[in-house]
């Protein structure tokens, strides 16, 4: 989890209205993870927002660029030292932490 030094300062507020049953569901899930409702909701909303934005990436390629992309995806180069180092970091930190720390 992020240390206090790495946490962003909370400088804005969001107020929501929701059914009591939804609040109870959120509270149960937060408790299951040992988090406060606020911590749980912020983490879930942030991860969902990142997923949505990452899914919205659009690539506009002409036919030659498209063929080059497919060829590169189907025949990737062998792993180099930088990729091995990234994989090692990913194994230690977890993929979600790596992705969310860059955004």
PDB file of N, CA and C in Angstrom:
ATOM      1  N   UNK A   1       0.842  -1.171   0.000  1.00  0.00           N
ATOM      2  CA  UNK A   1       0.000   0.000   0.000  1.00  0.00           C
ATOM      3  C   UNK A   1       0.886   1.233   0.000  1.00  0.00           C
ATOM      4  N   UNK A   2       0.364   2.351  -0.459  1.00  0.00           N
ATOM      5  CA  UNK A   2       1.148   3.577  -0.527  1.00  0.00           C
ATOM      6  C   UNK A   2       1.473   4.082   0.875  1.00  0.00           C
ATOM      7  N   UNK A   3       2.669   4.608   1.014  1.00  0.00           N
ATOM      8  CA  UNK A   3       3.049   5.189   2.291  1.00  0.00           C
ATOM      9  C   UNK A   3       2.450   6.586   2.393  1.00  0.00           C
ATOM     10  N   UNK A   4       2.487   7.144   3.601  1.00  0.00           N
ATOM     11  CA  UNK A   4       1.917   8.478   3.809  1.00  0.00           C
ATOM     12  C   UNK A   4       2.589   9.505   2.900  1.00  0.00           C
ATOM     13  N   UNK A   5       3.900   9.351   2.657  1.00  0.00           N
ATOM     14  CA  UNK A   5       4.616  10.300   1.814  1.00  0.00           C
ATOM     15  C   UNK A   5       4.156  10.226   0.367  1.00  0.00           C
ATOM     16  N   UNK A   6       3.694   9.056  -0.091  1.00  0.00           N
ATOM     17  CA  UNK A   6       3.290   8.886  -1.479  1.00  0.00           C
ATOM     18  C   UNK A   6       1.814   9.209  -1.713  1.00  0.00           C
ATOM     19  N   UNK A   7       1.014   9.298  -0.671  1.00  0.00           N
ATOM     20  CA  UNK A   7      -0.417   9.556  -0.823  1.00  0.00           C
ATOM     21  C   UNK A   7      -0.647  10.966  -1.343  1.00  0.00           C
ATOM     22  N   UNK A   8      -1.637  11.083  -2.207  1.00  0.00           N
ATOM     23  CA  UNK A   8      -2.027  12.399  -2.676  1.00  0.00           C
ATOM     24  C   UNK A   8      -2.856  13.091  -1.610  1.00  0.00           C
ATOM     25  N   UNK A   9      -2.713  14.391  -1.505  1.00  0.00           N
ATOM     26  CA  UNK A   9      -3.469  15.168  -0.530  1.00  0.00           C
ATOM     27  C   UNK A   9      -4.924  15.217  -0.953  1.00  0.00           C
ATOM     28  N   UNK A  10      -5.822  14.888  -0.049  1.00  0.00           N
ATOM     29  CA  UNK A  10      -7.251  14.956  -0.332  1.00  0.00           C
ATOM     30  C   UNK A  10      -7.696  16.402  -0.215  1.00  0.00           C
ATOM     31  N   UNK A  11      -7.984  17.039  -1.354  1.00  0.00           N
ATOM     32  CA  UNK A  11      -8.320  18.455  -1.331  1.00  0.00           C
ATOM     33  C   UNK A  11      -9.676  18.756  -1.964  1.00  0.00           C
ATOM     34  N   UNK A  12     -10.463  17.701  -2.200  1.00  0.00           N
ATOM     35  CA  UNK A  12     -11.798  17.902  -2.741  1.00  0.00           C
ATOM     36  C   UNK A  12     -12.746  16.860  -2.160  1.00  0.00           C
ATOM     37  N   UNK A  13     -14.032  17.114  -2.302  1.00  0.00           N
ATOM     38  CA  UNK A  13     -15.025  16.254  -1.680  1.00  0.00           C
ATOM     39  C   UNK A  13     -16.056  15.808  -2.720  1.00  0.00           C
ATOM     40  N   UNK A  14     -16.521  14.569  -2.606  1.00  0.00           N
ATOM     41  CA  UNK A  14     -17.600  14.047  -3.431  1.00  0.00           C
ATOM     42  C   UNK A  14     -18.686  13.555  -2.487  1.00  0.00           C
ATOM     43  N   UNK A  15     -19.903  13.974  -2.727  1.00  0.00           N
ATOM     44  CA  UNK A  15     -21.031  13.528  -1.924  1.00  0.00           C
ATOM     45  C   UNK A  15     -21.962  12.729  -2.830  1.00  0.00           C
ATOM     46  N   UNK A  16     -22.365  11.542  -2.378  1.00  0.00           N
ATOM     47  CA  UNK A  16     -23.264  10.722  -3.186  1.00  0.00           C
ATOM     48  C   UNK A  16     -24.436  10.233  -2.345  1.00  0.00           C
ATOM     49  N   UNK A  17     -25.542   9.998  -3.013  1.00  0.00           N
ATOM     50  CA  UNK A  17     -26.708   9.404  -2.372  1.00  0.00           C
ATOM     51  C   UNK A  17     -26.874   8.026  -2.992  1.00  0.00           C
ATOM     52  N   UNK A  18     -27.152   7.044  -2.156  1.00  0.00           N
ATOM     53  CA  UNK A  18     -27.300   5.683  -2.638  1.00  0.00           C
ATOM     54  C   UNK A  18     -28.240   4.909  -1.725  1.00  0.00           C
ATOM     55  N   UNK A  19     -28.797   3.819  -2.230  1.00  0.00           N
ATOM     56  CA  UNK A  19     -29.685   3.005  -1.390  1.00  0.00           C
ATOM     57  C   UNK A  19     -28.915   2.424  -0.195  1.00  0.00           C
ATOM     58  N   UNK A  20     -29.627   2.249   0.903  1.00  0.00           N
ATOM     59  CA  UNK A  20     -29.010   1.687   2.109  1.00  0.00           C
ATOM     60  C   UNK A  20     -28.402   0.320   1.829  1.00  0.00           C
ATOM     61  N   UNK A  21     -29.046  -0.456   0.987  1.00  0.00           N
ATOM     62  CA  UNK A  21     -28.524  -1.798   0.678  1.00  0.00           C
ATOM     63  C   UNK A  21     -27.173  -1.725  -0.025  1.00  0.00           C
ATOM     64  N   UNK A  22     -26.982  -0.704  -0.864  1.00  0.00           N
ATOM     65  CA  UNK A  22     -25.690  -0.533  -1.541  1.00  0.00           C
ATOM     66  C   UNK A  22     -24.624  -0.113  -0.541  1.00  0.00           C
ATOM     67  N   UNK A  23     -24.985   0.779   0.380  1.00  0.00           N
ATOM     68  CA  UNK A  23     -24.029   1.190   1.419  1.00  0.00           C
ATOM     69  C   UNK A  23     -23.625  -0.014   2.273  1.00  0.00           C
ATOM     70  N   UNK A  24     -24.581  -0.855   2.623  1.00  0.00           N
ATOM     71  CA  UNK A  24     -24.275  -2.049   3.417  1.00  0.00           C
ATOM     72  C   UNK A  24     -23.351  -2.991   2.652  1.00  0.00           C
ATOM     73  N   UNK A  25     -23.597  -3.138   1.367  1.00  0.00           N
ATOM     74  CA  UNK A  25     -22.736  -3.983   0.533  1.00  0.00           C
ATOM     75  C   UNK A  25     -21.308  -3.441   0.504  1.00  0.00           C
ATOM     76  N   UNK A  26     -21.185  -2.141   0.292  1.00  0.00           N
ATOM     77  CA  UNK A  26     -19.862  -1.495   0.264  1.00  0.00           C
ATOM     78  C   UNK A  26     -19.172  -1.645   1.615  1.00  0.00           C
ATOM     79  N   UNK A  27     -19.903  -1.409   2.698  1.00  0.00           N
ATOM     80  CA  UNK A  27     -19.324  -1.537   4.037  1.00  0.00           C
ATOM     81  C   UNK A  27     -18.838  -2.955   4.301  1.00  0.00           C
ATOM     82  N   UNK A  28     -19.616  -3.946   3.864  1.00  0.00           N
ATOM     83  CA  UNK A  28     -19.214  -5.349   4.062  1.00  0.00           C
ATOM     84  C   UNK A  28     -17.947  -5.670   3.279  1.00  0.00           C
ATOM     85  N   UNK A  29     -17.901  -5.206   2.045  1.00  0.00           N
ATOM     86  CA  UNK A  29     -16.720  -5.460   1.218  1.00  0.00           C
ATOM     87  C   UNK A  29     -15.493  -4.746   1.786  1.00  0.00           C
ATOM     88  N   UNK A  30     -15.675  -3.512   2.220  1.00  0.00           N
ATOM     89  CA  UNK A  30     -14.562  -2.760   2.808  1.00  0.00           C
ATOM     90  C   UNK A  30     -14.049  -3.463   4.058  1.00  0.00           C
ATOM     91  N   UNK A  31     -14.967  -3.910   4.909  1.00  0.00           N
ATOM     92  CA  UNK A  31     -14.567  -4.610   6.134  1.00  0.00           C
ATOM     93  C   UNK A  31     -13.822  -5.897   5.810  1.00  0.00           C
ATOM     94  N   UNK A  32     -14.253  -6.588   4.770  1.00  0.00           N
ATOM     95  CA  UNK A  32     -13.591  -7.836   4.374  1.00  0.00           C
ATOM     96  C   UNK A  32     -12.141  -7.593   3.961  1.00  0.00           C
ATOM     97  N   UNK A  33     -11.859  -6.387   3.479  1.00  0.00           N
ATOM     98  CA  UNK A  33     -10.489  -6.051   3.086  1.00  0.00           C
ATOM     99  C   UNK A  33      -9.764  -5.232   4.148  1.00  0.00           C
ATOM    100  N   UNK A  34     -10.399  -5.021   5.274  1.00  0.00           N
ATOM    101  CA  UNK A  34      -9.764  -4.269   6.353  1.00  0.00           C
ATOM    102  C   UNK A  34      -9.582  -2.802   6.036  1.00  0.00           C
ATOM    103  N   UNK A  35     -10.512  -2.238   5.271  1.00  0.00           N
ATOM    104  CA  UNK A  35     -10.414  -0.841   4.863  1.00  0.00           C
ATOM    105  C   UNK A  35     -11.638  -0.080   5.350  1.00  0.00           C
ATOM    106  N   UNK A  36     -11.485   1.217   5.418  1.00  0.00           N
ATOM    107  CA  UNK A  36     -12.647   2.058   5.713  1.00  0.00           C
ATOM    108  C   UNK A  36     -13.496   2.144   4.451  1.00  0.00           C
ATOM    109  N   UNK A  37     -14.737   2.583   4.618  1.00  0.00           N
ATOM    110  CA  UNK A  37     -15.613   2.771   3.456  1.00  0.00           C
ATOM    111  C   UNK A  37     -14.964   3.738   2.466  1.00  0.00           C
ATOM    112  N   UNK A  38     -14.417   4.820   2.979  1.00  0.00           N
ATOM    113  CA  UNK A  38     -13.791   5.820   2.114  1.00  0.00           C
ATOM    114  C   UNK A  38     -12.611   5.238   1.350  1.00  0.00           C
ATOM    115  N   UNK A  39     -11.728   4.545   2.055  1.00  0.00           N
ATOM    116  CA  UNK A  39     -10.570   3.929   1.390  1.00  0.00           C
ATOM    117  C   UNK A  39     -11.027   2.970   0.298  1.00  0.00           C
ATOM    118  N   UNK A  40     -12.002   2.140   0.636  1.00  0.00           N
ATOM    119  CA  UNK A  40     -12.497   1.146  -0.308  1.00  0.00           C
ATOM    120  C   UNK A  40     -13.104   1.814  -1.542  1.00  0.00           C
ATOM    121  N   UNK A  41     -13.947   2.808  -1.324  1.00  0.00           N
ATOM    122  CA  UNK A  41     -14.622   3.465  -2.446  1.00  0.00           C
ATOM    123  C   UNK A  41     -13.638   4.221  -3.335  1.00  0.00           C
ATOM    124  N   UNK A  42     -12.683   4.889  -2.733  1.00  0.00           N
ATOM    125  CA  UNK A  42     -11.693   5.619  -3.532  1.00  0.00           C
ATOM    126  C   UNK A  42     -10.874   4.648  -4.364  1.00  0.00           C
ATOM    127  N   UNK A  43     -10.400   3.563  -3.742  1.00  0.00           N
ATOM    128  CA  UNK A  43      -9.596   2.589  -4.480  1.00  0.00           C
ATOM    129  C   UNK A  43     -10.390   1.974  -5.629  1.00  0.00           C
ATOM    130  N   UNK A  44     -11.608   1.553  -5.356  1.00  0.00           N
ATOM    131  CA  UNK A  44     -12.430   0.928  -6.395  1.00  0.00           C
ATOM    132  C   UNK A  44     -12.751   1.902  -7.523  1.00  0.00           C
ATOM    133  N   UNK A  45     -13.141   3.121  -7.161  1.00  0.00           N
ATOM    134  CA  UNK A  45     -13.477   4.115  -8.182  1.00  0.00           C
ATOM    135  C   UNK A  45     -12.256   4.476  -9.018  1.00  0.00           C
ATOM    136  N   UNK A  46     -11.115   4.612  -8.368  1.00  0.00           N
ATOM    137  CA  UNK A  46      -9.894   4.970  -9.095  1.00  0.00           C
ATOM    138  C   UNK A  46      -9.473   3.870 -10.069  1.00  0.00           C
ATOM    139  N   UNK A  47      -9.499   2.624  -9.602  1.00  0.00           N
ATOM    140  CA  UNK A  47      -9.132   1.510 -10.481  1.00  0.00           C
ATOM    141  C   UNK A  47     -10.100   1.380 -11.651  1.00  0.00           C
ATOM    142  N   UNK A  48     -11.390   1.557 -11.390  1.00  0.00           N
ATOM    143  CA  UNK A  48     -12.381   1.492 -12.465  1.00  0.00           C
ATOM    144  C   UNK A  48     -12.170   2.620 -13.460  1.00  0.00           C
ATOM    145  N   UNK A  49     -11.882   3.820 -12.977  1.00  0.00           N
ATOM    146  CA  UNK A  49     -11.636   4.956 -13.864  1.00  0.00           C
ATOM    147  C   UNK A  49     -10.418   4.701 -14.747  1.00  0.00           C
ATOM    148  N   UNK A  50      -9.369   4.145 -14.181  1.00  0.00           N
ATOM    149  CA  UNK A  50      -8.173   3.818 -14.965  1.00  0.00           C
ATOM    150  C   UNK A  50      -8.513   2.796 -16.035  1.00  0.00           C
ATOM    151  N   UNK A  51      -9.251   1.750 -15.664  1.00  0.00           N
ATOM    152  CA  UNK A  51      -9.640   0.722 -16.639  1.00  0.00           C
ATOM    153  C   UNK A  51     -10.451   1.327 -17.785  1.00  0.00           C
ATOM    154  N   UNK A  52     -11.405   2.173 -17.452  1.00  0.00           N
ATOM    155  CA  UNK A  52     -12.237   2.800 -18.479  1.00  0.00           C
ATOM    156  C   UNK A  52     -11.379   3.635 -19.419  1.00  0.00           C
ATOM    157  N   UNK A  53     -10.491   4.432 -18.864  1.00  0.00           N
ATOM    158  CA  UNK A  53      -9.654   5.284 -19.704  1.00  0.00           C
ATOM    159  C   UNK A  53      -8.682   4.476 -20.555  1.00  0.00           C
ATOM    160  N   UNK A  54      -8.131   3.424 -20.002  1.00  0.00           N
ATOM    161  CA  UNK A  54      -7.221   2.583 -20.782  1.00  0.00           C
ATOM    162  C   UNK A  54      -7.957   1.875 -21.913  1.00  0.00           C
ATOM    163  N   UNK A  55      -9.223   1.516 -21.681  1.00  0.00           N
ATOM    164  CA  UNK A  55     -10.026   0.874 -22.725  1.00  0.00           C
ATOM    165  C   UNK A  55     -10.412   1.837 -23.840  1.00  0.00           C
ATOM    166  N   UNK A  56     -10.279   3.131 -23.611  1.00  0.00           N
ATOM    167  CA  UNK A  56     -10.695   4.126 -24.589  1.00  0.00           C
ATOM    168  C   UNK A  56      -9.577   4.525 -25.560  1.00  0.00           C
ATOM    169  N   UNK A  57      -8.448   3.905 -25.449  1.00  0.00           N
ATOM    170  CA  UNK A  57      -7.353   4.237 -26.347  1.00  0.00           C
ATOM    171  C   UNK A  57      -7.709   3.813 -27.764  1.00  0.00           C
ATOM    172  N   UNK A  58      -7.554   4.712 -28.705  1.00  0.00           N
ATOM    173  CA  UNK A  58      -7.907   4.447 -30.090  1.00  0.00           C
ATOM    174  C   UNK A  58      -6.645   4.553 -30.934  1.00  0.00           C
ATOM    175  N   UNK A  59      -6.456   3.572 -31.788  1.00  0.00           N
ATOM    176  CA  UNK A  59      -5.333   3.592 -32.710  1.00  0.00           C
ATOM    177  C   UNK A  59      -5.880   3.770 -34.116  1.00  0.00           C
ATOM    178  N   UNK A  60      -5.513   4.858 -34.769  1.00  0.00           N
ATOM    179  CA  UNK A  60      -5.906   5.095 -36.152  1.00  0.00           C
ATOM    180  C   UNK A  60      -4.694   4.782 -37.017  1.00  0.00           C
ATOM    181  N   UNK A  61      -4.756   3.653 -37.709  1.00  0.00           N
ATOM    182  CA  UNK A  61      -3.627   3.199 -38.510  1.00  0.00           C
ATOM    183  C   UNK A  61      -4.057   3.041 -39.958  1.00  0.00           C
ATOM    184  N   UNK A  62      -3.134   3.378 -40.864  1.00  0.00           N
ATOM    185  CA  UNK A  62      -3.407   3.076 -42.265  1.00  0.00           C
ATOM    186  C   UNK A  62      -3.102   1.592 -42.483  1.00  0.00           C
ATOM    187  N   UNK A  63      -3.435   1.016 -43.638  1.00  0.00           N
ATOM    188  CA  UNK A  63      -3.242  -0.427 -43.828  1.00  0.00           C
ATOM    189  C   UNK A  63      -1.802  -0.910 -43.610  1.00  0.00           C
ATOM    190  N   UNK A  64      -0.823  -0.131 -44.054  1.00  0.00           N
ATOM    191  CA  UNK A  64       0.576  -0.547 -43.860  1.00  0.00           C
ATOM    192  C   UNK A  64       0.958  -0.554 -42.380  1.00  0.00           C
ATOM    193  N   UNK A  65       0.527   0.467 -41.658  1.00  0.00           N
ATOM    194  CA  UNK A  65       0.798   0.527 -40.219  1.00  0.00           C
ATOM    195  C   UNK A  65       0.093  -0.611 -39.487  1.00  0.00           C
ATOM    196  N   UNK A  66      -1.114  -0.915 -39.906  1.00  0.00           N
ATOM    197  CA  UNK A  66      -1.871  -1.998 -39.291  1.00  0.00           C
ATOM    198  C   UNK A  66      -1.158  -3.338 -39.496  1.00  0.00           C
ATOM    199  N   UNK A  67      -0.682  -3.584 -40.709  1.00  0.00           N
ATOM    200  CA  UNK A  67       0.055  -4.825 -40.982  1.00  0.00           C
ATOM    201  C   UNK A  67       1.346  -4.892 -40.173  1.00  0.00           C
ATOM    202  N   UNK A  68       2.037  -3.761 -40.032  1.00  0.00           N
ATOM    203  CA  UNK A  68       3.274  -3.730 -39.249  1.00  0.00           C
ATOM    204  C   UNK A  68       2.984  -4.016 -37.768  1.00  0.00           C
ATOM    205  N   UNK A  69       1.888  -3.471 -37.252  1.00  0.00           N
ATOM    206  CA  UNK A  69       1.513  -3.729 -35.862  1.00  0.00           C
ATOM    207  C   UNK A  69       1.197  -5.201 -35.650  1.00  0.00           C
ATOM    208  N   UNK A  70       0.405  -5.780 -36.538  1.00  0.00           N
ATOM    209  CA  UNK A  70       0.064  -7.201 -36.425  1.00  0.00           C
ATOM    210  C   UNK A  70       1.316  -8.056 -36.497  1.00  0.00           C
ATOM    211  N   UNK A  71       2.217  -7.738 -37.411  1.00  0.00           N
ATOM    212  CA  UNK A  71       3.467  -8.502 -37.536  1.00  0.00           C
ATOM    213  C   UNK A  71       4.295  -8.409 -36.253  1.00  0.00           C
ATOM    214  N   UNK A  72       4.366  -7.208 -35.667  1.00  0.00           N
ATOM    215  CA  UNK A  72       5.131  -7.031 -34.422  1.00  0.00           C
ATOM    216  C   UNK A  72       4.490  -7.794 -33.270  1.00  0.00           C
ATOM    217  N   UNK A  73       3.164  -7.797 -33.215  1.00  0.00           N
ATOM    218  CA  UNK A  73       2.468  -8.518 -32.140  1.00  0.00           C
ATOM    219  C   UNK A  73       2.609 -10.033 -32.303  1.00  0.00           C
ATOM    220  N   UNK A  74       2.589 -10.489 -33.527  1.00  0.00           N
ATOM    221  CA  UNK A  74       2.687 -11.935 -33.775  1.00  0.00           C
ATOM    222  C   UNK A  74       4.117 -12.455 -33.664  1.00  0.00           C
ATOM    223  N   UNK A  75       5.099 -11.576 -33.833  1.00  0.00           N
ATOM    224  CA  UNK A  75       6.514 -11.976 -33.790  1.00  0.00           C
ATOM    225  C   UNK A  75       7.300 -11.032 -32.897  1.00  0.00           C
ATOM    226  N   UNK A  76       7.043 -11.054 -31.591  1.00  0.00           N
ATOM    227  CA  UNK A  76       7.752 -10.117 -30.707  1.00  0.00           C
ATOM    228  C   UNK A  76       9.238 -10.470 -30.609  1.00  0.00           C
ATOM    229  N   UNK A  77      10.068  -9.466 -30.340  1.00  0.00           N
ATOM    230  CA  UNK A  77      11.492  -9.748 -30.140  1.00  0.00           C
ATOM    231  C   UNK A  77      11.680 -10.517 -28.834  1.00  0.00           C
ATOM    232  N   UNK A  78      12.815 -11.196 -28.699  1.00  0.00           N
ATOM    233  CA  UNK A  78      13.065 -11.905 -27.440  1.00  0.00           C
ATOM    234  C   UNK A  78      13.204 -10.919 -26.292  1.00  0.00           C
ATOM    235  N   UNK A  79      12.908 -11.351 -25.065  1.00  0.00           N
ATOM    236  CA  UNK A  79      13.026 -10.452 -23.906  1.00  0.00           C
ATOM    237  C   UNK A  79      14.454  -9.924 -23.752  1.00  0.00           C
ATOM    238  N   UNK A  80      14.558  -8.631 -23.441  1.00  0.00           N
ATOM    239  CA  UNK A  80      15.870  -8.043 -23.186  1.00  0.00           C
ATOM    240  C   UNK A  80      16.003  -7.760 -21.682  1.00  0.00           C
ATOM    241  N   UNK A  81      17.100  -7.180 -21.288  1.00  0.00           N
ATOM    242  CA  UNK A  81      17.359  -6.933 -19.865  1.00  0.00           C
ATOM    243  C   UNK A  81      16.313  -6.010 -19.249  1.00  0.00           C
ATOM    244  N   UNK A  82      15.889  -4.989 -19.985  1.00  0.00           N
ATOM    245  CA  UNK A  82      14.896  -4.042 -19.449  1.00  0.00           C
ATOM    246  C   UNK A  82      13.557  -4.737 -19.193  1.00  0.00           C
ATOM    247  N   UNK A  83      13.138  -5.609 -20.110  1.00  0.00           N
ATOM    248  CA  UNK A  83      11.883  -6.336 -19.924  1.00  0.00           C
ATOM    249  C   UNK A  83      11.989  -7.297 -18.746  1.00  0.00           C
ATOM    250  N   UNK A  84      13.117  -7.987 -18.635  1.00  0.00           N
ATOM    251  CA  UNK A  84      13.304  -8.898 -17.497  1.00  0.00           C
ATOM    252  C   UNK A  84      13.241  -8.135 -16.169  1.00  0.00           C
ATOM    253  N   UNK A  85      13.825  -6.944 -16.132  1.00  0.00           N
ATOM    254  CA  UNK A  85      13.792  -6.125 -14.914  1.00  0.00           C
ATOM    255  C   UNK A  85      12.365  -5.690 -14.601  1.00  0.00           C
ATOM    256  N   UNK A  86      11.599  -5.299 -15.621  1.00  0.00           N
ATOM    257  CA  UNK A  86      10.212  -4.901 -15.408  1.00  0.00           C
ATOM    258  C   UNK A  86       9.383  -6.065 -14.893  1.00  0.00           C
ATOM    259  N   UNK A  87       9.594  -7.240 -15.438  1.00  0.00           N
ATOM    260  CA  UNK A  87       8.868  -8.428 -14.987  1.00  0.00           C
ATOM    261  C   UNK A  87       9.223  -8.733 -13.533  1.00  0.00           C
ATOM    262  N   UNK A  88      10.485  -8.584 -13.181  1.00  0.00           N
ATOM    263  CA  UNK A  88      10.904  -8.835 -11.802  1.00  0.00           C
ATOM    264  C   UNK A  88      10.238  -7.846 -10.846  1.00  0.00           C
ATOM    265  N   UNK A  89      10.171  -6.586 -11.227  1.00  0.00           N
ATOM    266  CA  UNK A  89       9.507  -5.575 -10.400  1.00  0.00           C
ATOM    267  C   UNK A  89       8.026  -5.906 -10.292  1.00  0.00           C
ATOM    268  N   UNK A  90       7.415  -6.306 -11.408  1.00  0.00           N
ATOM    269  CA  UNK A  90       5.998  -6.664 -11.412  1.00  0.00           C
ATOM    270  C   UNK A  90       5.704  -7.819 -10.477  1.00  0.00           C
ATOM    271  N   UNK A  91       6.593  -8.780 -10.426  1.00  0.00           N
ATOM    272  CA  UNK A  91       6.400  -9.920  -9.531  1.00  0.00           C
ATOM    273  C   UNK A  91       6.484  -9.492  -8.072  1.00  0.00           C
ATOM    274  N   UNK A  92       7.302  -8.478  -7.791  1.00  0.00           N
ATOM    275  CA  UNK A  92       7.463  -8.008  -6.416  1.00  0.00           C
ATOM    276  C   UNK A  92       6.326  -7.083  -5.991  1.00  0.00           C
ATOM    277  N   UNK A  93       5.912  -6.167  -6.860  1.00  0.00           N
ATOM    278  CA  UNK A  93       4.941  -5.144  -6.492  1.00  0.00           C
ATOM    279  C   UNK A  93       3.503  -5.517  -6.844  1.00  0.00           C
ATOM    280  N   UNK A  94       3.335  -6.266  -7.893  1.00  0.00           N
ATOM    281  CA  UNK A  94       1.986  -6.539  -8.375  1.00  0.00           C
ATOM    282  C   UNK A  94       1.659  -5.609  -9.529  1.00  0.00           C
ATOM    283  N   UNK A  95       1.019  -6.128 -10.526  1.00  0.00           N
ATOM    284  CA  UNK A  95       0.739  -5.376 -11.743  1.00  0.00           C
ATOM    285  C   UNK A  95      -0.142  -4.169 -11.466  1.00  0.00           C
ATOM    286  N   UNK A  96      -1.162  -4.305 -10.646  1.00  0.00           N
ATOM    287  CA  UNK A  96      -2.069  -3.184 -10.375  1.00  0.00           C
ATOM    288  C   UNK A  96      -1.323  -2.004  -9.783  1.00  0.00           C
ATOM    289  N   UNK A  97      -0.425  -2.272  -8.841  1.00  0.00           N
ATOM    290  CA  UNK A  97       0.328  -1.183  -8.220  1.00  0.00           C
ATOM    291  C   UNK A  97       1.209  -0.477  -9.243  1.00  0.00           C
ATOM    292  N   UNK A  98       1.811  -1.236 -10.146  1.00  0.00           N
ATOM    293  CA  UNK A  98       2.665  -0.626 -11.168  1.00  0.00           C
ATOM    294  C   UNK A  98       1.842   0.250 -12.099  1.00  0.00           C
ATOM    295  N   UNK A  99       0.719  -0.272 -12.584  1.00  0.00           N
ATOM    296  CA  UNK A  99      -0.126   0.492 -13.504  1.00  0.00           C
ATOM    297  C   UNK A  99      -0.683   1.748 -12.847  1.00  0.00           C
ATOM    298  N   UNK A 100      -1.176   1.631 -11.650  1.00  0.00           N
ATOM    299  CA  UNK A 100      -1.822   2.770 -11.002  1.00  0.00           C
ATOM    300  C   UNK A 100      -0.825   3.805 -10.520  1.00  0.00           C
ATOM    301  N   UNK A 101       0.420   3.425 -10.296  1.00  0.00           N
ATOM    302  CA  UNK A 101       1.391   4.411  -9.832  1.00  0.00           C
ATOM    303  C   UNK A 101       1.837   5.330 -10.951  1.00  0.00           C
ATOM    304  N   UNK A 102       1.634   4.941 -12.190  1.00  0.00           N
ATOM    305  CA  UNK A 102       2.073   5.753 -13.327  1.00  0.00           C
ATOM    306  C   UNK A 102       0.982   6.700 -13.814  1.00  0.00           C
ATOM    307  N   UNK A 103      -0.236   6.519 -13.362  1.00  0.00           N
ATOM    308  CA  UNK A 103      -1.359   7.308 -13.882  1.00  0.00           C
ATOM    309  C   UNK A 103      -1.830   8.286 -12.826  1.00  0.00           C
TER     310      UNK A 103
END
